[in-house]
PDB file of N, CA and C in Angstrom:
ATOM      1  N   MET A   1      -7.095 -11.251 -11.002  1.00  0.00           N
ATOM      2  CA  MET A   1      -6.720 -10.291 -11.279  1.00  0.00           C
ATOM      3  C   MET A   1      -7.129 -10.042 -12.748  1.00  0.00           C
ATOM      4  N   LYS A   2      -7.087  -8.267 -12.479  1.00  0.00           N
ATOM      5  CA  LYS A   2      -7.810  -7.909 -14.074  1.00  0.00           C
ATOM      6  C   LYS A   2      -6.209  -7.390 -14.732  1.00  0.00           C
ATOM      7  N   PHE A   3      -6.707  -7.486 -15.631  1.00  0.00           N
ATOM      8  CA  PHE A   3      -6.258  -7.065 -17.553  1.00  0.00           C
ATOM      9  C   PHE A   3      -4.797  -5.850 -16.617  1.00  0.00           C
ATOM     10  N   SER A   4      -5.854  -4.907 -16.587  1.00  0.00           N
ATOM     11  CA  SER A   4      -5.114  -3.715 -16.493  1.00  0.00           C
ATOM     12  C   SER A   4      -4.619  -3.412 -14.782  1.00  0.00           C
ATOM     13  N   ASP A   5      -4.603  -4.312 -14.240  1.00  0.00           N
ATOM     14  CA  ASP A   5      -3.419  -4.855 -13.047  1.00  0.00           C
ATOM     15  C   ASP A   5      -1.770  -4.374 -13.149  1.00  0.00           C
ATOM     16  N   LEU A   6      -1.783  -4.652 -14.270  1.00  0.00           N
ATOM     17  CA  LEU A   6      -0.150  -5.253 -15.013  1.00  0.00           C
ATOM     18  C   LEU A   6       0.268  -3.932 -15.200  1.00  0.00           C
ATOM     19  N   PHE A   7       0.101  -2.753 -15.638  1.00  0.00           N
ATOM     20  CA  PHE A   7      -0.047  -1.417 -15.241  1.00  0.00           C
ATOM     21  C   PHE A   7       0.037  -1.188 -14.243  1.00  0.00           C
ATOM     22  N   LEU A   8      -0.557  -1.618 -13.044  1.00  0.00           N
ATOM     23  CA  LEU A   8      -0.629  -0.269 -11.931  1.00  0.00           C
ATOM     24  C   LEU A   8       0.396  -0.724 -10.932  1.00  0.00           C
ATOM     25  N   PRO A   9       1.023   0.432 -10.100  1.00  0.00           N
ATOM     26  CA  PRO A   9       1.686  -0.233  -9.179  1.00  0.00           C
ATOM     27  C   PRO A   9       1.232  -1.569  -8.006  1.00  0.00           C
ATOM     28  N   LYS A  10       1.966  -2.288  -7.624  1.00  0.00           N
ATOM     29  CA  LYS A  10       0.605  -3.370  -6.707  1.00  0.00           C
ATOM     30  C   LYS A  10       0.166  -2.702  -5.384  1.00  0.00           C
ATOM     31  N   ILE A  11       0.821  -1.835  -5.185  1.00  0.00           N
ATOM     32  CA  ILE A  11      -1.103  -0.909  -3.636  1.00  0.00           C
ATOM     33  C   ILE A  11      -1.873  -0.675  -4.805  1.00  0.00           C
ATOM     34  N   VAL A  12      -1.677  -0.363  -5.837  1.00  0.00           N
ATOM     35  CA  VAL A  12      -3.125   0.022  -6.034  1.00  0.00           C
ATOM     36  C   VAL A  12      -3.980  -1.372  -7.000  1.00  0.00           C
ATOM     37  N   ARG A  13      -3.315  -2.064  -7.019  1.00  0.00           N
ATOM     38  CA  ARG A  13      -3.616  -3.796  -7.538  1.00  0.00           C
ATOM     39  C   ARG A  13      -5.320  -3.780  -6.541  1.00  0.00           C
ATOM     40  N   SER A  14      -6.102  -4.288  -7.778  1.00  0.00           N
ATOM     41  CA  SER A  14      -8.241  -4.898  -7.238  1.00  0.00           C
ATOM     42  C   SER A  14      -7.711  -5.989  -6.251  1.00  0.00           C
ATOM     43  N   ASP A  15      -6.260  -6.226  -6.184  1.00  0.00           N
ATOM     44  CA  ASP A  15      -6.476  -7.639  -5.002  1.00  0.00           C
ATOM     45  C   ASP A  15      -6.021  -7.686  -4.215  1.00  0.00           C
ATOM     46  N   PRO A  16      -7.121  -7.621  -2.895  1.00  0.00           N
ATOM     47  CA  PRO A  16      -6.422  -7.582  -1.459  1.00  0.00           C
ATOM     48  C   PRO A  16      -4.515  -7.312  -1.148  1.00  0.00           C
ATOM     49  N   LYS A  17      -4.670  -8.696  -1.470  1.00  0.00           N
ATOM     50  CA  LYS A  17      -3.613  -9.520  -1.232  1.00  0.00           C
ATOM     51  C   LYS A  17      -2.582  -8.744  -1.627  1.00  0.00           C
ATOM     52  N   VAL A  18      -2.117  -8.865  -2.804  1.00  0.00           N
ATOM     53  CA  VAL A  18      -1.327  -8.151  -3.413  1.00  0.00           C
ATOM     54  C   VAL A  18      -0.619  -6.384  -2.709  1.00  0.00           C
ATOM     55  N   ARG A  19      -2.073  -5.910  -2.615  1.00  0.00           N
ATOM     56  CA  ARG A  19      -1.686  -4.573  -1.381  1.00  0.00           C
ATOM     57  C   ARG A  19      -1.239  -4.396  -0.473  1.00  0.00           C
ATOM     58  N   ILE A  20      -1.795  -5.981   0.338  1.00  0.00           N
ATOM     59  CA  ILE A  20      -1.295  -5.996   1.349  1.00  0.00           C
ATOM     60  C   ILE A  20       0.654  -6.431   2.158  1.00  0.00           C
ATOM     61  N   ASN A  21       0.899  -7.098   0.378  1.00  0.00           N
ATOM     62  CA  ASN A  21       2.182  -7.524   0.264  1.00  0.00           C
ATOM     63  C   ASN A  21       2.823  -6.217   0.229  1.00  0.00           C
ATOM     64  N   ALA A  22       2.146  -5.932  -0.624  1.00  0.00           N
ATOM     65  CA  ALA A  22       2.821  -3.827  -0.762  1.00  0.00           C
ATOM     66  C   ALA A  22       2.722  -3.197   0.388  1.00  0.00           C
ATOM     67  N   VAL A  23       2.209  -2.894   0.784  1.00  0.00           N
ATOM     68  CA  VAL A  23       1.543  -2.062   2.392  1.00  0.00           C
ATOM     69  C   VAL A  23       3.268  -2.736   3.441  1.00  0.00           C
ATOM     70  N   ASN A  24       3.175  -3.852   2.815  1.00  0.00           N
ATOM     71  CA  ASN A  24       4.525  -4.799   4.193  1.00  0.00           C
ATOM     72  C   ASN A  24       5.690  -4.399   3.627  1.00  0.00           C
ATOM     73  N   GLN A  25       6.523  -4.358   2.318  1.00  0.00           N
ATOM     74  CA  GLN A  25       7.466  -3.923   2.111  1.00  0.00           C
ATOM     75  C   GLN A  25       7.809  -2.304   2.019  1.00  0.00           C
ATOM     76  N   THR A  26       6.491  -1.308   2.339  1.00  0.00           N
ATOM     77  CA  THR A  26       7.271  -0.256   1.899  1.00  0.00           C
ATOM     78  C   THR A  26       7.571   0.033   3.182  1.00  0.00           C
ATOM     79  N   SER A  27       8.127   1.751   3.139  1.00  0.00           N
ATOM     80  CA  SER A  27       8.396   2.160   4.568  1.00  0.00           C
ATOM     81  C   SER A  27       7.976   3.558   4.328  1.00  0.00           C
ATOM     82  N   ASP A  28       8.318   4.339   3.289  1.00  0.00           N
ATOM     83  CA  ASP A  28       7.120   5.141   2.811  1.00  0.00           C
ATOM     84  C   ASP A  28       5.772   5.513   3.682  1.00  0.00           C
ATOM     85  N   ALA A  29       6.385   6.328   4.455  1.00  0.00           N
ATOM     86  CA  ALA A  29       4.685   6.903   5.909  1.00  0.00           C
ATOM     87  C   ALA A  29       3.775   7.249   4.861  1.00  0.00           C
ATOM     88  N   ALA A  30       3.965   8.598   4.357  1.00  0.00           N
ATOM     89  CA  ALA A  30       3.194   9.136   3.058  1.00  0.00           C
ATOM     90  C   ALA A  30       2.309   8.315   2.022  1.00  0.00           C
ATOM     91  N   LEU A  31       2.766   7.513   1.627  1.00  0.00           N
ATOM     92  CA  LEU A  31       1.691   6.473   1.376  1.00  0.00           C
ATOM     93  C   LEU A  31       0.817   5.540   1.710  1.00  0.00           C
ATOM     94  N   LEU A  32       1.995   5.052   2.907  1.00  0.00           N
ATOM     95  CA  LEU A  32       0.946   4.070   3.609  1.00  0.00           C
ATOM     96  C   LEU A  32      -0.568   5.285   4.329  1.00  0.00           C
ATOM     97  N   GLN A  33      -0.099   6.341   4.884  1.00  0.00           N
ATOM     98  CA  GLN A  33      -1.427   7.049   5.009  1.00  0.00           C
ATOM     99  C   GLN A  33      -1.988   7.658   3.794  1.00  0.00           C
ATOM    100  N   GLN A  34      -1.818   7.404   2.908  1.00  0.00           N
ATOM    101  CA  GLN A  34      -2.761   7.142   2.123  1.00  0.00           C
ATOM    102  C   GLN A  34      -4.058   6.304   1.682  1.00  0.00           C
ATOM    103  N   VAL A  35      -2.895   5.301   2.312  1.00  0.00           N
ATOM    104  CA  VAL A  35      -3.677   3.700   1.870  1.00  0.00           C
ATOM    105  C   VAL A  35      -4.605   3.381   2.773  1.00  0.00           C
ATOM    106  N   LEU A  36      -4.578   4.541   4.661  1.00  0.00           N
ATOM    107  CA  LEU A  36      -5.116   4.321   5.557  1.00  0.00           C
ATOM    108  C   LEU A  36      -6.786   5.778   4.691  1.00  0.00           C
ATOM    109  N   LYS A  37      -6.108   6.185   3.967  1.00  0.00           N
ATOM    110  CA  LYS A  37      -7.235   7.302   3.839  1.00  0.00           C
ATOM    111  C   LYS A  37      -8.448   6.618   2.209  1.00  0.00           C
ATOM    112  N   ASN A  38      -7.043   6.319   1.615  1.00  0.00           N
ATOM    113  CA  ASN A  38      -8.586   5.439   0.552  1.00  0.00           C
ATOM    114  C   ASN A  38      -8.938   4.440   0.394  1.00  0.00           C
ATOM    115  N   ASP A  39      -8.011   3.131   0.628  1.00  0.00           N
ATOM    116  CA  ASP A  39      -8.263   2.055   0.312  1.00  0.00           C
ATOM    117  C   ASP A  39      -9.106   1.624   1.386  1.00  0.00           C
ATOM    118  N   LYS A  40     -10.436   0.695   0.109  1.00  0.00           N
ATOM    119  CA  LYS A  40     -11.841   0.620   0.803  1.00  0.00           C
ATOM    120  C   LYS A  40     -11.234  -0.921   1.226  1.00  0.00           C
ATOM    121  N   SER A  41     -10.807  -1.259   1.646  1.00  0.00           N
ATOM    122  CA  SER A  41     -10.499  -3.240   2.260  1.00  0.00           C
ATOM    123  C   SER A  41      -9.936  -2.577   4.263  1.00  0.00           C
ATOM    124  N   ASP A  42     -10.735  -3.117   4.258  1.00  0.00           N
ATOM    125  CA  ASP A  42     -10.426  -3.259   5.906  1.00  0.00           C
ATOM    126  C   ASP A  42      -9.038  -4.030   6.201  1.00  0.00           C
ATOM    127  N   GLU A  43      -9.002  -5.220   5.949  1.00  0.00           N
ATOM    128  CA  GLU A  43      -7.092  -5.313   6.138  1.00  0.00           C
ATOM    129  C   GLU A  43      -6.357  -5.026   5.148  1.00  0.00           C
ATOM    130  N   VAL A  44      -6.364  -4.449   4.811  1.00  0.00           N
ATOM    131  CA  VAL A  44      -5.741  -3.478   3.827  1.00  0.00           C
ATOM    132  C   VAL A  44      -4.762  -2.080   4.446  1.00  0.00           C
ATOM    133  N   ARG A  45      -6.061  -1.618   4.783  1.00  0.00           N
ATOM    134  CA  ARG A  45      -6.082  -1.116   6.201  1.00  0.00           C
ATOM    135  C   ARG A  45      -5.359  -0.668   7.660  1.00  0.00           C
ATOM    136  N   GLU A  46      -5.943  -2.412   7.931  1.00  0.00           N
ATOM    137  CA  GLU A  46      -5.264  -2.603   9.271  1.00  0.00           C
ATOM    138  C   GLU A  46      -3.931  -2.416   8.492  1.00  0.00           C
ATOM    139  N   ALA A  47      -3.212  -3.328   7.850  1.00  0.00           N
ATOM    140  CA  ALA A  47      -2.147  -3.723   7.226  1.00  0.00           C
ATOM    141  C   ALA A  47      -0.769  -2.492   7.355  1.00  0.00           C
ATOM    142  N   ALA A  48      -1.944  -1.669   7.191  1.00  0.00           N
ATOM    143  CA  ALA A  48      -1.043  -0.045   6.625  1.00  0.00           C
ATOM    144  C   ALA A  48      -0.580   0.552   7.889  1.00  0.00           C
ATOM    145  N   VAL A  49      -1.237   0.333   9.171  1.00  0.00           N
ATOM    146  CA  VAL A  49      -1.910   0.721  10.490  1.00  0.00           C
ATOM    147  C   VAL A  49      -0.213   0.505  11.322  1.00  0.00           C
ATOM    148  N   GLN A  50      -0.272  -1.228  11.420  1.00  0.00           N
ATOM    149  CA  GLN A  50       0.932  -2.122  11.628  1.00  0.00           C
ATOM    150  C   GLN A  50       2.174  -1.407  10.628  1.00  0.00           C
ATOM    151  N   ARG A  51       2.137  -1.843   9.769  1.00  0.00           N
ATOM    152  CA  ARG A  51       3.449  -0.826   9.594  1.00  0.00           C
ATOM    153  C   ARG A  51       3.994   0.267   9.531  1.00  0.00           C
ATOM    154  N   LEU A  52       2.716   0.861   9.707  1.00  0.00           N
ATOM    155  CA  LEU A  52       3.469   2.587  10.726  1.00  0.00           C
ATOM    156  C   LEU A  52       3.760   2.579  12.027  1.00  0.00           C
ATOM    157  N   LYS A  53       3.375   1.741  12.949  1.00  0.00           N
ATOM    158  CA  LYS A  53       3.198   1.206  13.885  1.00  0.00           C
ATOM    159  C   LYS A  53       5.161   0.442  14.036  1.00  0.00           C
ATOM    160  N   GLU A  54       5.100  -0.642  13.086  1.00  0.00           N
ATOM    161  CA  GLU A  54       6.441  -0.526  12.658  1.00  0.00           C
ATOM    162  C   GLU A  54       7.875   0.289  11.848  1.00  0.00           C
ATOM    163  N   LEU A  55       7.277   0.689  11.681  1.00  0.00           N
ATOM    164  CA  LEU A  55       8.587   1.957  11.272  1.00  0.00           C
ATOM    165  C   LEU A  55       8.596   3.129  11.998  1.00  0.00           C
ATOM    166  N   GLU A  56       7.671   3.208  13.061  1.00  0.00           N
ATOM    167  CA  GLU A  56       7.660   4.467  14.309  1.00  0.00           C
ATOM    168  C   GLU A  56       8.682   3.743  15.690  1.00  0.00           C
ATOM    169  N   GLN A  57       8.516   2.808  15.687  1.00  0.00           N
ATOM    170  CA  GLN A  57       9.900   1.936  16.133  1.00  0.00           C
ATOM    171  C   GLN A  57      10.919   1.858  15.337  1.00  0.00           C
ATOM    172  N   VAL A  58      11.446   1.996  15.015  1.00  0.00           N
ATOM    173  CA  VAL A  58      12.705   2.091  13.977  1.00  0.00           C
ATOM    174  C   VAL A  58      13.179   3.050  14.476  1.00  0.00           C
TER     175      VAL A  58
END
């Protein structure tokens, strides 16, 4: 973890595991769409896709 991560929201931190956790906890579809467009990690983007599918079923 970078020192600067302490001042950032979890969804944009450098550690992909932290970002995946943040994706799994959010219910903000617009934020998840941004993650899909901008995140460099395949795993984080896949987590966002899965979370969006979960939210659509509710």
